Amino acid sequence: MYIVACSDGTFYTGYTFDIIKRLELHNKGRGAKYTRARRPVKLVWYKKYRYFKKAVGEERRIKKMRRLMKEELIRSGGILRRGKRKMSFLKKKKPGIRGVFSLTRRRRIKKEAHYV
């Protein structure tokens, strides 16, 4: 699993068994179609996985990330955990009590429905 930075500033994410060989292919123009016009590429992040299935799943997850999250992943050295609470640097949530009211309302509705 790896992320390379292309010459135009974009990121490309992929998985392979041999990172060095794959980087050579990208830079020769025989790698992915996306990187052919964006050479040279530079390795900015990689992680080894024991199981192929986990690497593919992680690649999908990273490809869905926005650029800001990918930059944070690269900066942190790969310590970006899943879940909305762990990535709190993206959104600052304002405290509110809306969730409490909706939760108590649901309970009240359930109780009333139960007794009817």
Protein backbone atom coordinates (compact mmCIF):
# COMPACT_ATOMS: atom_id res chain seq x y z
CA MET A 1 0.00 0.00 0.00
CA TYR A 2 1.54 3.30 -1.04
CA ILE A 3 0.88 6.94 -1.89
CA VAL A 4 2.98 8.80 -4.45
CA ALA A 5 3.06 12.52 -5.14
CA CYS A 6 2.84 13.35 -8.84
CA SER A 7 4.64 16.25 -10.53
CA ASP A 8 1.40 18.27 -10.76
CA GLY A 9 0.87 18.03 -6.98
CA THR A 10 -1.79 15.31 -6.96
CA PHE A 11 -1.63 12.03 -5.05
CA TYR A 12 -1.92 8.52 -6.46
CA THR A 13 -2.72 5.58 -4.20
CA GLY A 14 -2.04 1.94 -5.00
CA TYR A 15 -0.95 -1.43 -3.65
CA THR A 16 1.82 -3.74 -4.74
CA PHE A 17 4.11 -6.49 -3.49
CA ASP A 18 7.31 -4.71 -4.61
CA ILE A 19 7.26 -0.92 -4.07
CA ILE A 20 10.66 -0.22 -5.64
CA LYS A 21 9.77 -2.00 -8.89
CA ARG A 22 6.39 -0.30 -8.99
CA LEU A 23 7.93 3.16 -8.58
CA GLU A 24 10.32 2.45 -11.44
CA LEU A 25 7.37 1.45 -13.62
CA HIS A 26 5.49 4.65 -12.71
CA ASN A 27 8.50 6.81 -13.56
CA LYS A 28 9.17 4.99 -16.85
CA GLY A 29 5.57 5.55 -17.95
CA ARG A 30 4.54 1.90 -17.77
CA GLY A 31 2.73 2.11 -14.44
CA ALA A 32 -0.80 3.35 -13.96
CA LYS A 33 -2.44 5.38 -16.71
CA TYR A 34 -3.01 8.23 -14.24
CA THR A 35 0.70 8.66 -13.50
CA ARG A 36 1.93 8.45 -17.12
CA ALA A 37 1.29 12.14 -17.80
CA ARG A 38 2.31 13.21 -14.28
CA ARG A 39 5.90 11.99 -14.12
CA PRO A 40 8.13 11.92 -12.18
CA VAL A 41 6.39 10.55 -9.10
CA LYS A 42 7.81 10.49 -5.59
CA LEU A 43 6.97 8.05 -2.81
CA VAL A 44 5.53 9.96 0.15
CA TRP A 45 3.90 7.22 2.26
CA TYR A 46 3.73 3.44 2.39
CA LYS A 47 2.60 0.70 4.74
CA LYS A 48 3.13 -3.04 4.60
CA TYR A 49 0.26 -5.45 5.16
CA ARG A 50 0.44 -9.14 5.84
CA TYR A 51 -2.81 -9.88 4.03
CA PHE A 52 -3.68 -8.72 0.52
CA LYS A 53 -7.36 -8.21 1.39
CA LYS A 54 -6.51 -5.67 4.10
CA ALA A 55 -4.26 -3.73 1.74
CA VAL A 56 -7.02 -3.50 -0.87
CA GLY A 57 -9.52 -2.36 1.76
CA GLU A 58 -7.14 0.29 3.05
CA GLU A 59 -6.47 1.50 -0.49
CA ARG A 60 -10.19 1.96 -1.07
CA ARG A 61 -10.54 3.88 2.18
CA ILE A 62 -7.62 6.19 1.34
CA LYS A 63 -8.84 6.79 -2.21
CA LYS A 64 -12.15 8.02 -0.81
CA MET A 65 -10.40 10.50 1.50
CA ARG A 66 -10.20 14.16 0.67
CA ARG A 67 -6.86 15.76 -0.03
CA LEU A 68 -6.68 17.34 3.43
CA MET A 69 -7.04 13.95 5.08
CA LYS A 70 -4.40 12.40 2.83
CA GLU A 71 -1.98 15.20 3.69
CA GLU A 72 -2.65 14.62 7.39
CA LEU A 73 -2.06 10.89 6.92
CA ILE A 74 1.29 11.56 5.24
CA ARG A 75 2.30 14.13 7.88
CA SER A 76 1.36 11.89 10.80
CA GLY A 77 3.30 8.93 9.41
CA GLY A 78 0.26 6.71 9.08
CA ILE A 79 -1.37 7.16 12.48
CA LEU A 80 -4.75 8.24 11.19
CA ARG A 81 -7.44 6.08 12.71
CA ARG A 82 -10.87 5.33 11.37
CA GLY A 83 -13.97 7.00 12.69
CA LYS A 84 -15.30 10.53 12.76
CA ARG A 85 -14.14 11.25 16.31
CA LYS A 86 -10.52 10.42 15.54
CA MET A 87 -10.43 12.84 12.61
CA SER A 88 -11.74 15.80 14.57
CA PHE A 89 -9.20 18.14 12.98
CA LEU A 90 -11.51 18.42 9.96
CA LYS A 91 -14.72 19.62 11.56
CA LYS A 92 -15.23 21.56 14.74
CA LYS A 93 -18.61 20.57 16.10
CA LYS A 94 -20.57 23.06 18.14
CA PRO A 95 -22.04 21.74 21.36
CA GLY A 96 -25.81 21.38 21.24
CA ILE A 97 -28.69 19.62 22.90
CA ARG A 98 -30.64 18.70 19.79
CA GLY A 99 -29.62 15.05 20.04
CA VAL A 100 -30.83 14.80 23.63
CA PHE A 101 -34.28 16.11 22.77
CA SER A 102 -34.68 13.81 19.81
CA LEU A 103 -33.56 10.83 21.90
CA THR A 104 -36.01 11.55 24.74
CA ARG A 105 -38.78 12.21 22.22
CA ARG A 106 -38.17 8.81 20.61
CA ARG A 107 -38.34 7.11 24.00
CA ARG A 108 -41.57 8.90 24.86
CA ILE A 109 -43.10 7.90 21.53
CA LYS A 110 -42.02 4.29 22.06
CA LYS A 111 -43.55 4.24 25.57
CA GLU A 112 -46.82 5.68 24.33
CA ALA A 113 -46.95 3.23 21.46
CA HIS A 114 -46.25 0.37 23.87
CA TYR A 115 -49.19 1.17 26.15
CA VAL A 116 -51.72 1.76 23.39
